[in-house]
Amino acid sequence: MSVNYVSDNSGATIAIQIPIEDWKRIKEKYPDIDSPEDGTPEWQMKLMKQRLKMIEKDPESIMDIDGLFEELDKEID
């Protein structure tokens, strides 16, 4: 599968593109892939949307996984 990366003006990757034939094969295997809200409880969708808005307002508030594990290790010690 060939993948094209889409970047914004600052060079940050913001999306990927795949060939339509690859997308069709993925959809055959995972028919609900473009409907993530199907089967997800309303409370969970609401919470996810709230968190995404928070991240959009303050992208620096996100901690990478290594930072998260470091913080969790500190709490355990």
C-alpha atoms as a PDB file:
ATOM      1  CA  MET A   1       0.000   0.000   0.000  1.00  0.00           C
ATOM      2  CA  SER A   2       1.405   3.374  -0.925  1.00  0.00           C
ATOM      3  CA  VAL A   3       0.731   6.125   1.578  1.00  0.00           C
ATOM      4  CA  ASN A   4       0.946   9.866   0.969  1.00  0.00           C
ATOM      5  CA  TYR A   5       1.447  12.130   3.963  1.00  0.00           C
ATOM      6  CA  VAL A   6      -0.269  15.517   4.052  1.00  0.00           C
ATOM      7  CA  SER A   7       1.454  18.308   5.980  1.00  0.00           C
ATOM      8  CA  ASP A   8       0.337  21.725   7.128  1.00  0.00           C
ATOM      9  CA  ASN A   9       2.294  24.940   6.502  1.00  0.00           C
ATOM     10  CA  SER A  10       4.585  24.253   9.446  1.00  0.00           C
ATOM     11  CA  GLY A  11       5.468  20.791   8.162  1.00  0.00           C
ATOM     12  CA  ALA A  12       3.453  18.826  10.722  1.00  0.00           C
ATOM     13  CA  THR A  13       1.775  15.733   9.323  1.00  0.00           C
ATOM     14  CA  ILE A  14      -1.988  16.214   9.566  1.00  0.00           C
ATOM     15  CA  ALA A  15      -3.377  13.419   7.389  1.00  0.00           C
ATOM     16  CA  ILE A  16      -2.562  10.487   5.178  1.00  0.00           C
ATOM     17  CA  GLN A  17      -3.935   9.449   1.824  1.00  0.00           C
ATOM     18  CA  ILE A  18      -4.190   5.922   0.497  1.00  0.00           C
ATOM     19  CA  PRO A  19      -5.227   4.728  -2.952  1.00  0.00           C
ATOM     20  CA  ILE A  20      -8.958   4.160  -3.352  1.00  0.00           C
ATOM     21  CA  GLU A  21      -8.447   0.488  -4.207  1.00  0.00           C
ATOM     22  CA  ASP A  22      -6.679  -0.025  -0.876  1.00  0.00           C
ATOM     23  CA  TRP A  23      -9.537   1.782   0.870  1.00  0.00           C
ATOM     24  CA  LYS A  24     -12.071  -0.509  -0.823  1.00  0.00           C
ATOM     25  CA  ARG A  25     -10.164  -3.590   0.369  1.00  0.00           C
ATOM     26  CA  ILE A  26     -10.027  -2.216   3.907  1.00  0.00           C
ATOM     27  CA  LYS A  27     -13.783  -1.505   3.824  1.00  0.00           C
ATOM     28  CA  GLU A  28     -14.464  -5.059   2.660  1.00  0.00           C
ATOM     29  CA  LYS A  29     -12.579  -6.408   5.661  1.00  0.00           C
ATOM     30  CA  TYR A  30     -13.900  -3.788   8.131  1.00  0.00           C
ATOM     31  CA  PRO A  31     -17.275  -2.584   6.805  1.00  0.00           C
ATOM     32  CA  ASP A  32     -17.919  -0.214   9.730  1.00  0.00           C
ATOM     33  CA  ILE A  33     -14.540   1.512   9.576  1.00  0.00           C
ATOM     34  CA  ASP A  34     -15.959   4.836   8.396  1.00  0.00           C
ATOM     35  CA  SER A  35     -18.727   4.789  11.009  1.00  0.00           C
ATOM     36  CA  PRO A  36     -16.851   4.870  14.320  1.00  0.00           C
ATOM     37  CA  GLU A  37     -19.905   6.165  16.159  1.00  0.00           C
ATOM     38  CA  ASP A  38     -21.880   3.000  15.400  1.00  0.00           C
ATOM     39  CA  GLY A  39     -21.897   0.822  18.487  1.00  0.00           C
ATOM     40  CA  THR A  40     -20.139   3.397  20.651  1.00  0.00           C
ATOM     41  CA  PRO A  41     -22.229   4.475  23.628  1.00  0.00           C
ATOM     42  CA  GLU A  42     -23.433   8.098  23.526  1.00  0.00           C
ATOM     43  CA  TRP A  43     -21.702   8.945  26.835  1.00  0.00           C
ATOM     44  CA  GLN A  44     -18.394   7.735  25.415  1.00  0.00           C
ATOM     45  CA  MET A  45     -18.809   9.741  22.196  1.00  0.00           C
ATOM     46  CA  LYS A  46     -19.641  12.854  24.238  1.00  0.00           C
ATOM     47  CA  LEU A  47     -16.555  12.379  26.410  1.00  0.00           C
ATOM     48  CA  MET A  48     -14.340  11.791  23.383  1.00  0.00           C
ATOM     49  CA  LYS A  49     -15.635  14.946  21.662  1.00  0.00           C
ATOM     50  CA  GLN A  50     -15.027  16.984  24.829  1.00  0.00           C
ATOM     51  CA  ARG A  51     -11.467  15.705  25.083  1.00  0.00           C
ATOM     52  CA  LEU A  52     -10.774  16.395  21.419  1.00  0.00           C
ATOM     53  CA  LYS A  53     -11.994  19.992  21.876  1.00  0.00           C
ATOM     54  CA  MET A  54      -9.690  20.387  24.881  1.00  0.00           C
ATOM     55  CA  ILE A  55      -6.745  19.088  22.887  1.00  0.00           C
ATOM     56  CA  GLU A  56      -7.600  21.372  19.980  1.00  0.00           C
ATOM     57  CA  LYS A  57      -7.602  24.389  22.320  1.00  0.00           C
ATOM     58  CA  ASP A  58      -4.348  23.375  24.029  1.00  0.00           C
ATOM     59  CA  PRO A  59      -2.324  20.814  22.054  1.00  0.00           C
ATOM     60  CA  GLU A  60       0.548  21.146  24.529  1.00  0.00           C
ATOM     61  CA  SER A  61      -1.660  19.582  27.212  1.00  0.00           C
ATOM     62  CA  ILE A  62      -1.118  16.156  25.672  1.00  0.00           C
ATOM     63  CA  MET A  63       1.600  14.037  27.169  1.00  0.00           C
ATOM     64  CA  ASP A  64       3.441  11.498  25.051  1.00  0.00           C
ATOM     65  CA  ILE A  65       3.295   7.876  26.167  1.00  0.00           C
ATOM     66  CA  ASP A  66       6.818   7.944  27.633  1.00  0.00           C
ATOM     67  CA  GLY A  67       5.922  10.989  29.725  1.00  0.00           C
ATOM     68  CA  LEU A  68       2.746   9.289  30.887  1.00  0.00           C
ATOM     69  CA  PHE A  69       4.636   6.201  32.027  1.00  0.00           C
ATOM     70  CA  GLU A  70       7.182   8.378  33.849  1.00  0.00           C
ATOM     71  CA  GLU A  71       4.371  10.148  35.713  1.00  0.00           C
ATOM     72  CA  LEU A  72       2.724   6.849  36.601  1.00  0.00           C
ATOM     73  CA  ASP A  73       6.042   5.459  37.851  1.00  0.00           C
ATOM     74  CA  LYS A  74       6.447   8.526  40.107  1.00  0.00           C
ATOM     75  CA  GLU A  75       3.003   7.918  41.613  1.00  0.00           C
ATOM     76  CA  ILE A  76       3.881   4.285  42.371  1.00  0.00           C
ATOM     77  CA  ASP A  77       7.221   5.048  44.053  1.00  0.00           C
END
